[in-house]
Amino acid sequence: MSLLTPAHLDGWCLPNRVVLAPTTRARVPGGVPGELQAAYYAQRAGAGLVVTEGTWVSDRAVGFPDVPGIHTEAQVAGWRRVTDVVHALSGRIVVQLWHTGAVSHPGFLGGRRPAGPSAVNPDEPVHTAAGRRPTGVPRALSAAEIRTTIADYGTAAANARRAGFDGVELAANGVYLLAQFLHPRLNRRTDAYGGSPAHRRRLLTEVVDAAAAHGRVGVRLSPWWTGGLFTVDDELRAEYDELVAGLAVDYLHLRGPDAGPDFAAFARYRELFDGPLIVNNGFDRETGDAVIDAGIADAVSYARHFVANPDLVTRFALGHPLETGDPATYYGGGAAGYVEQAAVTPSR
């Protein structure tokens, strides 16, 4: 078994186990995907599964420039063009649903103060059109706003289905809204959405239920995140164990430690989660094959390698060397570094 063997993930038959990880590229001015995005995802449709860049569930979720949404009819139509092209190339594609919560800026929200679980400054940089800006103290979401947010995710999942996606992935990793509710340093609520670990998990579980009413749902988590208030220590990681053991989703997508592939770390969650597992962060062809051969993961997702090598699956299959991406083209810009593909250099 290897990356290039087929996989059956809870009803999906994938031709290979190489997954395109969600990768923000900030090339969607106005939030409506266009022909550039159709070309970008078409070039990467050879992946066993394509996970799109994070996509806003509502205009209240925005916190990064030139990122697409899936909450207007124009956005649904734009994404339909993308999914039609990917499906025409025999690909499978899910949209990652994103809400930045407290890690946003009034400039994205019509002057409104960002809102999170509690009035605690996450102390994270926000990328704006004018450069990086610090976060401020957010508003605490009211109970009514939490209900609205859950409904936004449900509507986004329904829109995803109308747009032709094969499912959705919930971004509960990193420093954004769903992760904010999981962290006791950020979530100091005393109502049904804060306090105990079970209460802090409630928003994510209710969002899962809202999305699952409209099709397949995956969840992305980062139990090894490091950095400021969002650092996951051993105590919080034990809470992630309980979360993962209770997740009722179609697949789990884990962002691994920054030090590189840690098979033992991933194996911890293989034992806890009764479903398909996708692992990520620092893998190459050899370590990707190895983690699958060891029975620890069902698939491996790649971001940086797919950015520089749209034909990554072909390169893996032929043993061709990989190109290195240009960080100057990662965020923003046009076709350069986005849909331009370097010529394949035969291995020697």
Protein backbone atom coordinates (compact mmCIF):
# COMPACT_ATOMS: atom_id res chain seq x y z
CA MET A 1 0.00 0.00 0.00
CA SER A 2 1.23 3.51 -0.75
CA LEU A 3 0.17 7.04 -1.60
CA LEU A 4 -0.63 5.92 -5.13
CA THR A 5 -3.05 3.14 -4.19
CA PRO A 6 -6.82 3.68 -4.15
CA ALA A 7 -8.59 4.41 -0.88
CA HIS A 8 -12.16 4.01 0.30
CA LEU A 9 -13.03 6.81 2.71
CA ASP A 10 -16.52 6.30 4.10
CA GLY A 11 -18.20 5.91 0.74
CA TRP A 12 -15.66 7.85 -1.31
CA CYS A 13 -13.50 5.87 -3.69
CA LEU A 14 -10.30 7.86 -4.11
CA PRO A 15 -7.89 6.90 -6.91
CA ASN A 16 -4.91 7.79 -4.70
CA ARG A 17 -4.15 8.92 -1.16
CA VAL A 18 -2.54 12.27 -2.02
CA VAL A 19 -4.76 15.11 -0.76
CA LEU A 20 -4.55 18.80 -1.64
CA ALA A 21 -4.47 20.56 1.73
CA PRO A 22 -6.46 23.78 2.20
CA THR A 23 -4.13 26.59 1.19
CA THR A 24 -5.04 30.27 1.32
CA ARG A 25 -3.70 32.02 -1.79
CA ALA A 26 -5.55 35.38 -1.51
CA ARG A 27 -6.41 35.74 -5.17
CA VAL A 28 -10.18 36.15 -5.08
CA PRO A 29 -10.92 39.90 -4.99
CA GLY A 30 -14.58 40.41 -4.18
CA GLY A 31 -14.83 36.88 -2.78
CA VAL A 32 -16.27 35.32 -5.96
CA PRO A 33 -14.15 32.50 -7.51
CA GLY A 34 -13.45 33.00 -11.21
CA GLU A 35 -11.60 31.42 -14.10
CA LEU A 36 -8.26 31.71 -12.30
CA GLN A 37 -9.57 29.55 -9.46
CA ALA A 38 -11.11 27.08 -11.92
CA ALA A 39 -7.68 26.71 -13.56
CA TYR A 40 -5.91 26.42 -10.20
CA TYR A 41 -8.07 23.57 -8.92
CA ALA A 42 -8.24 21.90 -12.34
CA GLN A 43 -4.46 21.64 -12.39
CA ARG A 44 -4.58 19.86 -9.02
CA ALA A 45 -7.58 17.63 -9.74
CA GLY A 46 -5.29 14.60 -9.89
CA ALA A 47 -5.26 14.60 -6.08
CA GLY A 48 -7.27 11.83 -4.51
CA LEU A 49 -9.21 14.57 -2.75
CA VAL A 50 -9.08 18.34 -3.22
CA VAL A 51 -9.75 20.49 -0.14
CA THR A 52 -10.23 24.13 -1.10
CA GLU A 53 -8.79 27.16 0.58
CA GLY A 54 -10.66 28.36 3.64
CA THR A 55 -13.95 29.93 2.53
CA TRP A 56 -16.12 32.38 4.46
CA VAL A 57 -19.42 31.10 5.82
CA SER A 58 -20.81 34.65 6.07
CA ASP A 59 -19.78 38.28 5.83
CA ARG A 60 -19.34 38.16 9.62
CA ALA A 61 -16.60 35.54 9.25
CA VAL A 62 -14.14 37.57 7.16
CA GLY A 63 -10.61 38.17 8.42
CA PHE A 64 -8.19 37.93 5.47
CA PRO A 65 -8.04 39.83 2.16
CA ASP A 66 -9.13 38.35 -1.17
CA VAL A 67 -10.48 35.07 0.21
CA PRO A 68 -13.64 33.52 -1.31
CA GLY A 69 -16.95 33.05 0.41
CA ILE A 70 -19.89 30.71 -0.09
CA HIS A 71 -22.70 32.83 1.31
CA THR A 72 -23.94 34.69 -1.81
CA GLU A 73 -25.48 33.47 -5.05
CA ALA A 74 -22.55 34.86 -7.03
CA GLN A 75 -20.11 32.89 -4.88
CA VAL A 76 -22.13 29.70 -5.29
CA ALA A 77 -22.12 30.19 -9.06
CA GLY A 78 -18.37 30.87 -9.05
CA TRP A 79 -17.67 27.71 -7.09
CA ARG A 80 -19.97 25.71 -9.40
CA ARG A 81 -17.60 26.53 -12.25
CA VAL A 82 -14.72 25.16 -10.15
CA THR A 83 -16.46 21.94 -9.10
CA ASP A 84 -17.71 21.27 -12.64
CA VAL A 85 -14.14 21.45 -13.96
CA VAL A 86 -12.73 19.26 -11.18
CA HIS A 87 -15.47 16.66 -11.68
CA ALA A 88 -14.94 16.72 -15.45
CA LEU A 89 -11.37 15.68 -14.70
CA SER A 90 -12.64 12.84 -12.44
CA GLY A 91 -11.65 14.66 -9.25
CA ARG A 92 -13.39 14.93 -5.88
CA ILE A 93 -13.54 18.27 -4.08
CA VAL A 94 -14.70 19.56 -0.70
CA VAL A 95 -14.81 23.17 0.48
CA GLN A 96 -13.21 24.18 3.76
CA LEU A 97 -15.55 26.41 5.77
CA TRP A 98 -13.81 29.24 7.66
CA HIS A 99 -14.69 31.82 10.31
CA THR A 100 -11.91 33.93 11.82
CA GLY A 101 -13.84 35.04 14.90
CA ALA A 102 -11.72 37.25 17.15
CA VAL A 103 -8.69 37.09 14.83
CA SER A 104 -10.10 39.68 12.47
CA HIS A 105 -10.10 43.46 12.09
CA PRO A 106 -12.86 46.10 11.93
CA GLY A 107 -11.70 46.92 8.40
CA PHE A 108 -13.11 43.57 7.24
CA LEU A 109 -16.36 43.98 9.15
CA GLY A 110 -17.66 47.37 8.15
CA GLY A 111 -16.11 48.98 11.20
CA ARG A 112 -17.63 46.49 13.64
CA ARG A 113 -15.45 45.01 16.37
CA PRO A 114 -14.62 41.33 15.79
CA ALA A 115 -16.37 38.84 18.07
CA GLY A 116 -15.13 35.66 19.72
CA PRO A 117 -16.00 33.41 22.63
CA SER A 118 -14.94 35.99 25.24
CA ALA A 119 -13.57 39.52 25.49
CA VAL A 120 -9.96 38.28 25.43
CA ASN A 121 -7.43 39.67 22.97
CA PRO A 122 -6.04 36.68 21.04
CA ASP A 123 -2.88 38.72 20.37
CA GLU A 124 -2.48 37.42 16.83
CA PRO A 125 -1.49 39.38 13.71
CA VAL A 126 -4.22 40.02 11.15
CA HIS A 127 -3.30 40.24 7.47
CA THR A 128 -5.03 43.22 5.88
CA ALA A 129 -4.68 44.97 2.54
CA ALA A 130 -2.64 47.63 4.37
CA GLY A 131 -0.31 45.09 6.01
CA ARG A 132 -0.26 43.19 9.28
CA ARG A 133 -2.33 44.67 12.08
CA PRO A 134 -2.63 43.56 15.71
CA THR A 135 -5.87 42.20 17.09
CA GLY A 136 -7.81 44.13 19.70
CA VAL A 137 -10.13 42.99 22.46
CA PRO A 138 -13.12 41.36 20.74
CA ARG A 139 -16.74 41.35 21.73
CA ALA A 140 -18.05 38.18 23.34
CA LEU A 141 -20.58 36.55 21.05
CA SER A 142 -24.08 36.63 22.52
CA ALA A 143 -26.13 33.44 22.71
CA ALA A 144 -28.22 34.72 19.81
CA GLU A 145 -25.08 35.39 17.75
CA ILE A 146 -23.85 31.86 18.44
CA ARG A 147 -27.13 30.47 17.11
CA THR A 148 -26.74 32.67 14.03
CA THR A 149 -23.17 31.45 13.53
CA ILE A 150 -24.26 27.81 13.68
CA ALA A 151 -26.98 28.59 11.15
CA ASP A 152 -24.39 30.29 8.93
CA TYR A 153 -22.37 27.08 8.82
CA GLY A 154 -25.50 25.10 7.96
CA THR A 155 -26.38 27.52 5.16
CA ALA A 156 -22.80 27.42 3.87
CA ALA A 157 -22.94 23.61 3.78
CA ALA A 158 -26.24 23.76 1.89
CA ASN A 159 -24.69 26.25 -0.52
CA ALA A 160 -21.71 23.95 -0.96
CA ARG A 161 -24.01 21.17 -2.02
CA ARG A 162 -25.73 23.48 -4.52
CA ALA A 163 -22.31 24.51 -5.80
CA GLY A 164 -21.50 20.87 -6.57
CA PHE A 165 -19.04 20.12 -3.78
CA ASP A 166 -18.71 16.53 -2.57
CA GLY A 167 -18.71 17.68 1.05
CA VAL A 168 -17.33 20.28 3.43
CA GLU A 169 -14.40 20.44 5.82
CA LEU A 170 -14.71 22.49 9.01
CA ALA A 171 -11.61 24.52 9.87
CA ALA A 172 -11.30 23.95 13.62
CA ASN A 173 -7.51 24.21 13.55
CA GLY A 174 -5.13 27.09 14.13
CA VAL A 175 -6.24 30.32 15.77
CA TYR A 176 -9.72 30.87 14.37
CA LEU A 177 -13.27 30.76 15.72
CA LEU A 178 -13.89 27.06 16.32
CA ALA A 179 -10.41 26.67 17.83
CA GLN A 180 -11.00 29.77 19.97
CA PHE A 181 -13.99 28.10 21.60
CA LEU A 182 -11.91 24.98 22.34
CA HIS A 183 -9.20 26.92 24.21
CA PRO A 184 -9.72 27.77 27.89
CA ARG A 185 -7.37 30.75 27.55
CA LEU A 186 -9.68 32.32 24.95
CA ASN A 187 -13.01 30.88 26.05
CA ARG A 188 -13.91 32.14 29.52
CA ARG A 189 -17.65 31.83 29.13
CA THR A 190 -19.81 30.50 31.92
CA ASP A 191 -22.81 29.51 29.80
CA ALA A 192 -23.48 26.34 27.80
CA TYR A 193 -20.57 27.16 25.42
CA GLY A 194 -17.81 27.61 28.01
CA GLY A 195 -16.42 26.42 31.31
CA SER A 196 -16.09 22.64 31.12
CA PRO A 197 -14.33 20.93 28.20
CA ALA A 198 -17.66 19.48 27.08
CA HIS A 199 -19.20 22.95 26.97
CA ARG A 200 -16.24 24.38 25.07
CA ARG A 201 -16.66 21.62 22.48
CA ARG A 202 -20.34 22.33 22.08
CA LEU A 203 -20.03 24.93 19.32
CA LEU A 204 -17.97 22.59 17.14
CA THR A 205 -20.32 19.64 17.68
CA GLU A 206 -23.38 21.75 16.87
CA VAL A 207 -21.68 23.14 13.76
CA VAL A 208 -20.90 19.55 12.71
CA ASP A 209 -24.58 18.67 13.10
CA ALA A 210 -25.68 21.74 11.12
CA ALA A 211 -23.31 20.93 8.26
CA ALA A 212 -24.00 17.18 8.28
CA ALA A 213 -27.65 17.86 7.49
CA HIS A 214 -26.46 18.71 3.98
CA GLY A 215 -23.89 16.01 3.22
CA ARG A 216 -20.43 14.74 4.11
CA VAL A 217 -18.40 16.57 6.76
CA GLY A 218 -14.73 16.43 7.70
CA VAL A 219 -13.03 18.30 10.53
CA ARG A 220 -9.50 19.70 10.60
CA LEU A 221 -7.77 19.99 13.99
CA SER A 222 -4.29 21.00 15.18
CA PRO A 223 -3.64 19.31 18.56
CA TRP A 224 0.05 20.30 18.43
CA TRP A 225 -0.36 24.01 17.69
CA THR A 226 2.29 26.26 19.22
CA GLY A 227 2.20 30.01 19.58
CA GLY A 228 0.89 32.41 22.19
CA LEU A 229 -2.50 31.83 23.76
CA PHE A 230 -3.27 29.07 21.27
CA THR A 231 -0.45 26.75 22.31
CA VAL A 232 -1.80 23.28 23.01
CA ASP A 233 -0.25 21.91 26.21
CA ASP A 234 -0.59 18.37 27.57
CA GLU A 235 -3.72 19.20 29.54
CA LEU A 236 -5.48 20.67 26.53
CA ARG A 237 -4.25 17.83 24.32
CA ALA A 238 -6.04 15.42 26.64
CA GLU A 239 -9.21 17.42 25.93
CA TYR A 240 -8.54 16.98 22.22
CA ASP A 241 -8.42 13.22 22.88
CA GLU A 242 -11.96 13.38 24.26
CA LEU A 243 -13.08 15.56 21.36
CA VAL A 244 -11.68 13.24 18.71
CA ALA A 245 -13.09 10.12 20.37
CA GLY A 246 -16.56 11.63 20.24
CA LEU A 247 -16.47 13.13 16.72
CA ALA A 248 -19.12 11.79 14.37
CA VAL A 249 -17.73 12.98 11.03
CA ASP A 250 -16.81 11.45 7.69
CA TYR A 251 -13.09 12.05 8.10
CA LEU A 252 -10.57 13.68 10.44
CA HIS A 253 -7.79 15.86 9.05
CA LEU A 254 -4.90 16.49 11.45
CA ARG A 255 -2.23 19.14 11.14
CA GLY A 256 0.82 17.60 12.78
CA PRO A 257 3.70 19.01 14.81
CA ASP A 258 5.89 21.61 13.10
CA ALA A 259 8.99 19.54 13.80
CA GLY A 260 7.97 17.17 11.04
CA PRO A 261 6.03 13.92 10.66
CA ASP A 262 5.60 12.31 14.08
CA PHE A 263 4.10 8.89 13.54
CA ALA A 264 3.54 8.25 17.24
CA ALA A 265 1.64 11.52 17.60
CA PHE A 266 -0.69 10.63 14.75
CA ALA A 267 -1.07 7.04 15.97
CA ARG A 268 -2.55 8.44 19.20
CA TYR A 269 -5.53 9.71 17.22
CA ARG A 270 -5.77 6.70 14.92
CA GLU A 271 -6.71 4.73 18.03
CA LEU A 272 -9.25 7.32 19.16
CA PHE A 273 -11.05 8.10 15.92
CA ASP A 274 -13.15 5.44 14.26
CA GLY A 275 -13.02 6.73 10.71
CA PRO A 276 -10.76 7.80 7.84
CA LEU A 277 -7.71 9.82 8.94
CA ILE A 278 -5.80 12.34 6.81
CA VAL A 279 -2.47 13.60 8.18
CA ASN A 280 -0.52 16.72 7.27
CA ASN A 281 2.60 18.82 7.87
CA GLY A 282 6.10 18.14 6.63
CA PHE A 283 5.51 14.94 4.64
CA ASP A 284 7.34 14.04 1.46
CA ARG A 285 6.80 11.01 -0.80
CA GLU A 286 8.77 8.61 1.39
CA THR A 287 7.26 9.58 4.74
CA GLY A 288 3.82 9.69 3.13
CA ASP A 289 4.17 6.12 1.94
CA ALA A 290 5.53 5.06 5.33
CA VAL A 291 2.71 6.52 7.43
CA ILE A 292 0.17 4.75 5.21
CA ASP A 293 2.10 1.47 5.17
CA ALA A 294 2.21 1.62 8.97
CA GLY A 295 -1.59 1.74 9.05
CA ILE A 296 -1.55 5.09 10.88
CA ALA A 297 -3.24 7.18 8.16
CA ASP A 298 -5.50 6.63 5.18
CA ALA A 299 -4.20 9.63 3.21
CA VAL A 300 -1.67 12.45 3.43
CA SER A 301 -2.33 16.09 2.56
CA TYR A 302 0.24 18.40 0.99
CA ALA A 303 0.19 22.19 0.78
CA ARG A 304 3.64 23.58 -0.04
CA HIS A 305 4.45 20.77 -2.49
CA PHE A 306 1.13 21.21 -4.30
CA VAL A 307 1.66 24.97 -4.54
CA ALA A 308 4.88 24.47 -6.49
CA ASN A 309 3.88 21.23 -8.24
CA PRO A 310 0.28 21.18 -9.51
CA ASP A 311 1.07 17.78 -11.03
CA LEU A 312 2.30 16.40 -7.70
CA VAL A 313 0.64 13.00 -8.10
CA THR A 314 2.23 12.54 -11.52
CA ARG A 315 5.64 13.51 -10.18
CA PHE A 316 5.26 11.02 -7.32
CA ALA A 317 4.23 8.30 -9.78
CA LEU A 318 7.14 8.94 -12.17
CA GLY A 319 9.76 9.60 -9.50
CA HIS A 320 10.41 13.09 -10.84
CA PRO A 321 11.98 15.74 -8.61
CA LEU A 322 9.81 18.42 -7.06
CA GLU A 323 10.00 22.11 -7.80
CA THR A 324 10.40 24.60 -4.94
CA GLY A 325 7.82 27.33 -4.58
CA ASP A 326 8.52 31.05 -4.41
CA PRO A 327 7.19 32.44 -1.08
CA ALA A 328 6.82 35.85 -2.72
CA THR A 329 3.96 34.40 -4.80
CA TYR A 330 2.19 32.48 -2.05
CA TYR A 331 -0.32 35.22 -1.15
CA GLY A 332 -1.90 37.59 -3.63
CA GLY A 333 -0.97 38.39 -7.20
CA GLY A 334 -2.06 36.79 -10.44
CA ALA A 335 -1.20 33.67 -12.42
CA ALA A 336 2.52 33.72 -11.58
CA GLY A 337 3.23 31.16 -8.90
CA TYR A 338 -0.43 30.13 -8.95
CA VAL A 339 -1.41 28.39 -12.17
CA GLU A 340 1.88 28.52 -14.04
CA GLN A 341 3.44 25.08 -14.03
CA ALA A 342 7.17 24.47 -14.33
CA ALA A 343 8.25 21.88 -16.84
CA VAL A 344 8.78 18.41 -15.42
CA THR A 345 12.46 17.55 -15.22
CA PRO A 346 13.10 13.80 -15.69
CA SER A 347 14.85 12.09 -12.82
CA ARG A 348 18.44 11.16 -13.45
